N, C-alpha and C. Protein backbone atom coordinates (compact mmCIF):
# COMPACT_ATOMS: atom_id res chain seq x y z
N UNK A 1 66.89 -16.67 30.08
CA UNK A 1 65.77 -17.55 29.63
C UNK A 1 65.52 -16.59 27.92
N UNK A 2 65.54 -17.78 26.94
CA UNK A 2 65.19 -17.31 25.77
C UNK A 2 63.73 -17.95 25.27
N UNK A 3 62.94 -17.27 24.52
CA UNK A 3 61.55 -17.68 24.12
C UNK A 3 61.45 -17.14 22.40
N UNK A 4 61.49 -18.01 21.64
CA UNK A 4 61.84 -17.76 20.07
C UNK A 4 62.61 -16.89 19.87
N UNK A 5 63.69 -16.96 20.29
CA UNK A 5 64.88 -16.22 19.99
C UNK A 5 64.90 -15.00 20.55
N UNK A 6 64.13 -14.45 21.70
CA UNK A 6 64.28 -13.23 22.15
C UNK A 6 64.51 -13.61 23.83
N UNK A 7 65.43 -12.75 24.28
CA UNK A 7 65.52 -12.82 25.69
C UNK A 7 64.41 -12.61 26.59
N UNK A 8 64.09 -13.21 27.45
CA UNK A 8 62.97 -12.86 28.37
C UNK A 8 63.60 -12.65 29.82
N UNK A 9 63.44 -11.47 30.25
CA UNK A 9 63.96 -11.18 31.67
C UNK A 9 63.12 -11.81 32.70
N UNK A 10 63.53 -12.88 33.55
CA UNK A 10 62.62 -13.08 34.57
C UNK A 10 62.44 -12.09 35.63
N UNK A 11 61.26 -12.10 35.74
CA UNK A 11 60.54 -10.99 36.60
C UNK A 11 59.45 -11.68 37.42
N UNK A 12 59.83 -11.39 38.70
CA UNK A 12 58.66 -11.98 39.69
C UNK A 12 57.48 -11.07 39.88
N UNK A 13 56.32 -11.40 39.33
CA UNK A 13 55.24 -10.72 39.50
C UNK A 13 54.62 -10.21 40.66
N UNK A 14 54.41 -9.34 40.92
CA UNK A 14 53.78 -9.26 42.47
C UNK A 14 52.39 -9.22 42.16
N UNK A 15 51.66 -9.26 43.38
CA UNK A 15 50.06 -9.37 43.34
C UNK A 15 49.60 -8.19 42.51
N UNK A 16 49.95 -6.91 42.90
CA UNK A 16 49.57 -5.96 42.03
C UNK A 16 49.74 -5.68 40.59
N UNK A 17 51.07 -6.50 40.40
CA UNK A 17 51.25 -6.99 38.82
C UNK A 17 50.18 -7.84 38.05
N UNK A 18 49.80 -8.55 38.85
CA UNK A 18 48.78 -9.52 38.40
C UNK A 18 47.41 -8.89 38.35
N UNK A 19 47.02 -8.29 39.42
CA UNK A 19 45.62 -7.63 39.33
C UNK A 19 45.64 -6.48 38.40
N UNK A 20 46.83 -5.91 38.00
CA UNK A 20 46.74 -4.81 36.94
C UNK A 20 46.54 -5.35 35.75
N UNK A 21 47.07 -6.75 35.20
CA UNK A 21 47.15 -7.15 34.05
C UNK A 21 45.67 -7.81 34.03
N UNK A 22 45.27 -8.33 35.03
CA UNK A 22 43.61 -8.70 34.97
C UNK A 22 42.64 -7.59 34.85
N UNK A 23 42.92 -6.55 35.29
CA UNK A 23 42.15 -5.23 34.79
C UNK A 23 42.12 -4.84 33.58
N UNK A 24 43.32 -4.89 33.10
CA UNK A 24 43.74 -4.63 31.81
C UNK A 24 42.82 -5.50 30.66
N UNK A 25 42.96 -6.80 30.97
CA UNK A 25 42.45 -7.74 30.28
C UNK A 25 40.76 -7.68 30.10
N UNK A 26 40.19 -7.44 31.58
CA UNK A 26 38.88 -6.99 31.51
C UNK A 26 38.48 -6.00 30.83
N UNK A 27 39.13 -4.88 30.55
CA UNK A 27 38.97 -3.75 29.93
C UNK A 27 38.93 -4.01 28.40
N UNK A 28 40.12 -4.59 28.01
CA UNK A 28 40.39 -5.02 26.56
C UNK A 28 39.01 -5.85 26.11
N UNK A 29 38.52 -6.71 27.04
CA UNK A 29 37.26 -7.81 26.74
C UNK A 29 36.08 -7.02 26.26
N UNK A 30 35.85 -6.10 27.35
CA UNK A 30 34.92 -4.82 26.93
C UNK A 30 35.00 -4.08 25.77
N UNK A 31 36.11 -3.58 25.55
CA UNK A 31 36.42 -2.90 24.43
C UNK A 31 36.30 -3.60 22.87
N UNK A 32 36.52 -4.92 23.02
CA UNK A 32 36.56 -5.84 22.07
C UNK A 32 35.07 -6.15 21.51
N UNK A 33 34.25 -6.40 22.71
CA UNK A 33 32.75 -6.63 22.50
C UNK A 33 32.11 -5.37 21.99
N UNK A 34 32.35 -4.24 22.49
CA UNK A 34 31.88 -2.80 22.09
C UNK A 34 32.27 -2.80 20.43
N UNK A 35 33.27 -3.05 20.02
CA UNK A 35 33.69 -2.98 18.65
C UNK A 35 32.92 -3.84 17.54
N UNK A 36 32.72 -4.93 18.16
CA UNK A 36 31.82 -6.09 17.45
C UNK A 36 30.51 -5.47 17.30
N UNK A 37 30.01 -4.84 18.16
CA UNK A 37 28.54 -4.48 18.30
C UNK A 37 28.16 -3.33 17.53
N UNK A 38 29.37 -2.29 17.97
CA UNK A 38 29.29 -1.06 17.26
C UNK A 38 29.40 -1.19 15.75
N UNK A 39 30.11 -2.19 15.26
CA UNK A 39 30.34 -2.43 13.61
C UNK A 39 29.25 -2.98 13.23
N UNK A 40 28.40 -3.66 14.04
CA UNK A 40 27.13 -4.36 13.45
C UNK A 40 25.64 -3.00 13.74
N UNK A 41 26.10 -2.37 14.66
CA UNK A 41 24.58 -1.38 14.70
C UNK A 41 25.20 -0.06 15.09
N UNK A 42 24.33 1.03 15.04
CA UNK A 42 24.62 2.47 15.06
C UNK A 42 24.79 2.41 16.69
N UNK A 43 25.73 3.28 17.39
CA UNK A 43 25.82 3.82 18.71
C UNK A 43 24.52 3.81 19.44
N UNK A 44 23.55 4.65 18.89
CA UNK A 44 21.99 4.63 19.41
C UNK A 44 21.64 3.34 19.75
N UNK A 45 21.89 2.26 18.97
CA UNK A 45 21.21 0.86 19.29
C UNK A 45 22.10 -0.04 19.90
N UNK A 46 23.09 0.40 20.39
CA UNK A 46 23.70 -0.46 21.25
C UNK A 46 23.91 0.06 22.58
N UNK A 47 23.49 -0.77 23.44
CA UNK A 47 23.27 -0.48 25.15
C UNK A 47 24.49 -1.09 25.93
N UNK A 48 24.50 -0.48 27.01
CA UNK A 48 25.58 -1.15 27.89
C UNK A 48 25.21 -2.77 28.27
N UNK A 49 23.85 -3.07 28.20
CA UNK A 49 23.77 -4.44 28.53
C UNK A 49 24.04 -5.33 27.29
N UNK A 50 23.97 -4.57 26.16
CA UNK A 50 24.23 -5.42 24.97
C UNK A 50 25.82 -5.80 25.03
N UNK A 51 26.38 -4.78 25.36
CA UNK A 51 27.83 -4.90 25.44
C UNK A 51 28.38 -5.95 26.48
N UNK A 52 27.64 -5.92 27.81
CA UNK A 52 28.03 -6.63 28.93
C UNK A 52 27.65 -8.11 28.52
N UNK A 53 26.66 -8.14 27.69
CA UNK A 53 25.99 -9.68 27.31
C UNK A 53 27.04 -10.25 26.13
N UNK A 54 27.55 -9.66 25.31
CA UNK A 54 28.41 -9.88 24.51
C UNK A 54 29.97 -10.24 25.00
N UNK A 55 30.19 -9.56 26.00
CA UNK A 55 31.68 -9.75 26.88
C UNK A 55 31.43 -10.77 27.90
N UNK A 56 30.20 -11.25 28.26
CA UNK A 56 29.87 -12.20 29.01
C UNK A 56 30.10 -11.65 30.59
N UNK A 57 30.04 -10.41 30.79
CA UNK A 57 30.12 -9.77 32.09
C UNK A 57 28.92 -9.04 32.78
N UNK A 58 29.06 -8.33 33.82
CA UNK A 58 27.68 -7.67 34.29
C UNK A 58 27.71 -6.05 33.79
N UNK A 59 26.62 -5.66 33.61
CA UNK A 59 26.56 -4.45 32.99
C UNK A 59 27.47 -3.26 33.94
N UNK A 60 27.24 -3.64 35.34
CA UNK A 60 27.70 -2.64 36.36
C UNK A 60 29.28 -2.82 35.92
N UNK A 61 29.68 -3.86 35.80
CA UNK A 61 31.23 -3.84 35.61
C UNK A 61 31.95 -2.91 34.70
N UNK A 62 31.14 -2.77 33.50
CA UNK A 62 31.52 -1.81 32.60
C UNK A 62 31.83 -0.37 33.01
N UNK A 63 31.01 -0.17 34.08
CA UNK A 63 31.03 1.32 34.54
C UNK A 63 32.25 1.58 35.53
N UNK A 64 32.73 0.36 35.77
CA UNK A 64 34.32 0.61 36.79
C UNK A 64 35.34 0.94 35.54
N UNK A 65 34.86 1.05 34.44
CA UNK A 65 36.26 0.99 33.29
C UNK A 65 35.88 2.37 32.38
N UNK A 66 34.25 2.33 32.26
CA UNK A 66 34.10 3.63 31.33
C UNK A 66 32.94 4.37 32.11
N UNK A 67 32.83 5.84 31.82
CA UNK A 67 31.76 6.67 32.45
C UNK A 67 30.41 6.36 31.87
N UNK A 68 30.43 6.39 30.34
CA UNK A 68 29.25 6.06 29.98
C UNK A 68 29.36 5.35 28.47
N UNK A 69 28.40 5.02 27.94
CA UNK A 69 28.38 4.36 26.25
C UNK A 69 29.32 5.40 25.28
N UNK A 70 29.27 6.55 25.53
CA UNK A 70 30.21 7.33 24.77
C UNK A 70 31.51 7.54 24.89
N UNK A 71 31.81 7.32 26.45
CA UNK A 71 33.16 7.02 26.68
C UNK A 71 33.72 5.94 26.19
N UNK A 72 33.07 4.85 26.08
CA UNK A 72 33.24 3.48 25.65
C UNK A 72 33.34 3.48 24.17
N UNK A 73 32.40 4.14 23.37
CA UNK A 73 32.57 4.46 21.89
C UNK A 73 33.77 5.12 21.45
N UNK A 74 34.15 6.07 22.38
CA UNK A 74 35.24 7.15 22.03
C UNK A 74 36.39 6.27 21.94
N UNK A 75 36.64 5.22 23.22
CA UNK A 75 37.82 4.43 23.50
C UNK A 75 37.72 3.35 22.31
N UNK A 76 37.03 2.91 22.06
CA UNK A 76 36.93 1.78 21.13
C UNK A 76 37.31 2.52 19.46
N UNK A 77 36.62 3.47 19.33
CA UNK A 77 37.06 4.10 18.02
C UNK A 77 38.56 4.54 17.79
N UNK A 78 39.24 5.21 19.22
CA UNK A 78 40.53 5.31 19.08
C UNK A 78 41.15 3.94 18.95
N UNK A 79 41.00 2.96 19.80
CA UNK A 79 41.58 1.61 19.78
C UNK A 79 41.46 1.11 18.12
N UNK A 80 40.41 1.38 17.47
CA UNK A 80 40.49 0.77 16.13
C UNK A 80 41.12 1.65 15.34
N UNK A 81 41.50 2.85 15.57
CA UNK A 81 42.03 3.81 14.70
C UNK A 81 43.54 3.67 14.69
N UNK A 82 43.96 3.28 16.00
CA UNK A 82 45.36 2.48 16.18
C UNK A 82 45.83 1.28 15.29
N UNK A 83 44.94 0.68 15.16
CA UNK A 83 44.94 -0.64 14.54
C UNK A 83 45.08 -0.48 13.00
N UNK A 84 44.35 0.57 12.50
CA UNK A 84 44.41 0.61 11.14
C UNK A 84 45.44 1.83 10.51
N UNK A 85 46.12 2.68 11.34
CA UNK A 85 47.06 3.29 10.85
C UNK A 85 48.42 3.00 11.35
């Protein structure tokens, strides 16, 4: 099968694969929300509740992916650094 001139290998996704994709999508949603807020305010003025509200999720869910706000800040910083270099 070809899409946009590139061959796509048909692979049956397992339930585990789908759950992992969902987990990564949620993590990226949190990172994106954090980047938006950290670009508007200093880290000390952004709380986990603010990030959760921006992402449209519960604050508790963020802690499944990140230890604390500093961990999320570092992850967001490294992510944006990869995009700019």
